[in-house]
């Protein structure tokens, strides 16, 4: 399957220790960026994958409580006061 997101990392089981380690790593990176005075911050987002059991409410996003696997994404958090943010560049 072709992925269109550059933030996608991998698919893991819901209770994988890799996810916990990745969250700790991103937290440490954010701490180092803050200490260096850089405005970038990142966060980990999980998207649930698995059977919907006929529930139409879960057509777009499966709750993590019902997920068999999760797709892991790392996104950059945008701030309104960050210089050169995509939002400011359009103004």
C-alpha atoms as a PDB file:
ATOM      1  CA  UNK A   1       0.000   0.000   0.000  1.00  0.00           C
ATOM      2  CA  UNK A   2       1.335   3.441  -0.916  1.00  0.00           C
ATOM      3  CA  UNK A   3       1.609   5.825   2.041  1.00  0.00           C
ATOM      4  CA  UNK A   4       1.064   9.530   1.479  1.00  0.00           C
ATOM      5  CA  UNK A   5       2.146  10.732   4.928  1.00  0.00           C
ATOM      6  CA  UNK A   6       5.794  11.511   5.595  1.00  0.00           C
ATOM      7  CA  UNK A   7       5.095  11.247   9.344  1.00  0.00           C
ATOM      8  CA  UNK A   8       4.272   7.501   9.195  1.00  0.00           C
ATOM      9  CA  UNK A   9       6.853   5.250  10.883  1.00  0.00           C
ATOM     10  CA  UNK A  10       5.483   1.714  11.183  1.00  0.00           C
ATOM     11  CA  UNK A  11       2.651  -0.555  12.314  1.00  0.00           C
ATOM     12  CA  UNK A  12       2.972  -2.313  15.699  1.00  0.00           C
ATOM     13  CA  UNK A  13       0.900  -4.420  18.061  1.00  0.00           C
ATOM     14  CA  UNK A  14      -1.036  -2.227  20.496  1.00  0.00           C
ATOM     15  CA  UNK A  15       1.033  -3.256  23.531  1.00  0.00           C
ATOM     16  CA  UNK A  16       4.445  -3.102  21.847  1.00  0.00           C
ATOM     17  CA  UNK A  17       7.297  -1.780  24.031  1.00  0.00           C
ATOM     18  CA  UNK A  18       8.665   0.005  20.954  1.00  0.00           C
ATOM     19  CA  UNK A  19       5.869   2.589  21.230  1.00  0.00           C
ATOM     20  CA  UNK A  20       6.748   3.369  24.847  1.00  0.00           C
ATOM     21  CA  UNK A  21      10.440   3.729  23.923  1.00  0.00           C
ATOM     22  CA  UNK A  22       9.565   5.991  20.976  1.00  0.00           C
ATOM     23  CA  UNK A  23       7.481   8.275  23.222  1.00  0.00           C
ATOM     24  CA  UNK A  24      10.413   8.564  25.662  1.00  0.00           C
ATOM     25  CA  UNK A  25      12.790   9.318  22.773  1.00  0.00           C
ATOM     26  CA  UNK A  26      10.553  12.071  21.371  1.00  0.00           C
ATOM     27  CA  UNK A  27      10.185  13.539  24.862  1.00  0.00           C
ATOM     28  CA  UNK A  28      13.984  13.665  25.286  1.00  0.00           C
ATOM     29  CA  UNK A  29      14.383  15.245  21.839  1.00  0.00           C
ATOM     30  CA  UNK A  30      11.832  17.923  22.731  1.00  0.00           C
ATOM     31  CA  UNK A  31      13.658  18.618  25.986  1.00  0.00           C
ATOM     32  CA  UNK A  32      16.981  19.029  24.138  1.00  0.00           C
ATOM     33  CA  UNK A  33      15.377  21.297  21.515  1.00  0.00           C
ATOM     34  CA  UNK A  34      13.924  23.455  24.283  1.00  0.00           C
ATOM     35  CA  UNK A  35      17.294  23.699  26.057  1.00  0.00           C
ATOM     36  CA  UNK A  36      18.905  24.801  22.775  1.00  0.00           C
ATOM     37  CA  UNK A  37      16.265  27.500  22.349  1.00  0.00           C
ATOM     38  CA  UNK A  38      14.789  25.968  19.215  1.00  0.00           C
ATOM     39  CA  UNK A  39      11.033  26.294  18.629  1.00  0.00           C
ATOM     40  CA  UNK A  40      10.400  22.827  17.119  1.00  0.00           C
ATOM     41  CA  UNK A  41       8.444  20.252  19.118  1.00  0.00           C
ATOM     42  CA  UNK A  42       7.280  16.784  18.082  1.00  0.00           C
ATOM     43  CA  UNK A  43       4.611  14.336  19.235  1.00  0.00           C
ATOM     44  CA  UNK A  44       3.675  10.700  18.666  1.00  0.00           C
ATOM     45  CA  UNK A  45       0.168   9.869  17.410  1.00  0.00           C
ATOM     46  CA  UNK A  46      -1.311   6.397  17.202  1.00  0.00           C
ATOM     47  CA  UNK A  47      -4.032   5.458  14.714  1.00  0.00           C
ATOM     48  CA  UNK A  48      -5.980   2.312  15.582  1.00  0.00           C
ATOM     49  CA  UNK A  49      -6.240  -0.455  12.990  1.00  0.00           C
ATOM     50  CA  UNK A  50      -8.348  -3.596  12.987  1.00  0.00           C
ATOM     51  CA  UNK A  51     -11.924  -4.879  12.648  1.00  0.00           C
ATOM     52  CA  UNK A  52     -14.796  -2.405  12.973  1.00  0.00           C
ATOM     53  CA  UNK A  53     -17.374  -5.045  13.995  1.00  0.00           C
ATOM     54  CA  UNK A  54     -19.986  -3.340  11.820  1.00  0.00           C
ATOM     55  CA  UNK A  55     -19.911  -0.098  13.789  1.00  0.00           C
ATOM     56  CA  UNK A  56     -20.292   2.779  11.306  1.00  0.00           C
ATOM     57  CA  UNK A  57     -19.044   5.380  13.805  1.00  0.00           C
ATOM     58  CA  UNK A  58     -15.554   3.911  13.440  1.00  0.00           C
ATOM     59  CA  UNK A  59     -15.328   4.290   9.679  1.00  0.00           C
ATOM     60  CA  UNK A  60     -12.512   6.878   9.824  1.00  0.00           C
ATOM     61  CA  UNK A  61     -10.759   6.217  13.127  1.00  0.00           C
ATOM     62  CA  UNK A  62     -10.847   3.074  15.268  1.00  0.00           C
ATOM     63  CA  UNK A  63     -10.591   3.750  19.032  1.00  0.00           C
ATOM     64  CA  UNK A  64      -7.315   2.466  20.471  1.00  0.00           C
ATOM     65  CA  UNK A  65      -9.210   0.375  23.034  1.00  0.00           C
ATOM     66  CA  UNK A  66     -10.560  -1.790  20.170  1.00  0.00           C
ATOM     67  CA  UNK A  67      -7.463  -1.726  17.938  1.00  0.00           C
ATOM     68  CA  UNK A  68      -5.565  -4.901  17.119  1.00  0.00           C
ATOM     69  CA  UNK A  69      -2.620  -2.933  15.734  1.00  0.00           C
ATOM     70  CA  UNK A  70      -1.649   0.725  15.589  1.00  0.00           C
ATOM     71  CA  UNK A  71       0.024   2.873  12.956  1.00  0.00           C
ATOM     72  CA  UNK A  72       2.627   5.146  14.533  1.00  0.00           C
ATOM     73  CA  UNK A  73       3.126   8.703  13.284  1.00  0.00           C
ATOM     74  CA  UNK A  74       5.513  11.424  14.521  1.00  0.00           C
ATOM     75  CA  UNK A  75       4.240  14.926  13.792  1.00  0.00           C
ATOM     76  CA  UNK A  76       5.757  18.339  14.340  1.00  0.00           C
ATOM     77  CA  UNK A  77       3.666  20.443  16.697  1.00  0.00           C
ATOM     78  CA  UNK A  78       3.047  23.894  15.258  1.00  0.00           C
ATOM     79  CA  UNK A  79       2.848  26.963  17.440  1.00  0.00           C
ATOM     80  CA  UNK A  80       1.190  30.264  16.568  1.00  0.00           C
ATOM     81  CA  UNK A  81       4.182  32.244  17.846  1.00  0.00           C
ATOM     82  CA  UNK A  82       6.793  30.103  16.084  1.00  0.00           C
ATOM     83  CA  UNK A  83       8.739  32.070  13.466  1.00  0.00           C
ATOM     84  CA  UNK A  84       8.299  30.905   9.875  1.00  0.00           C
ATOM     85  CA  UNK A  85       5.404  28.594  10.686  1.00  0.00           C
ATOM     86  CA  UNK A  86       3.333  27.564   7.630  1.00  0.00           C
ATOM     87  CA  UNK A  87       0.431  29.631   8.914  1.00  0.00           C
ATOM     88  CA  UNK A  88       2.497  32.824   9.239  1.00  0.00           C
ATOM     89  CA  UNK A  89       4.164  32.385   5.864  1.00  0.00           C
ATOM     90  CA  UNK A  90       0.779  32.647   4.127  1.00  0.00           C
ATOM     91  CA  UNK A  91      -0.047  35.993   5.720  1.00  0.00           C
END
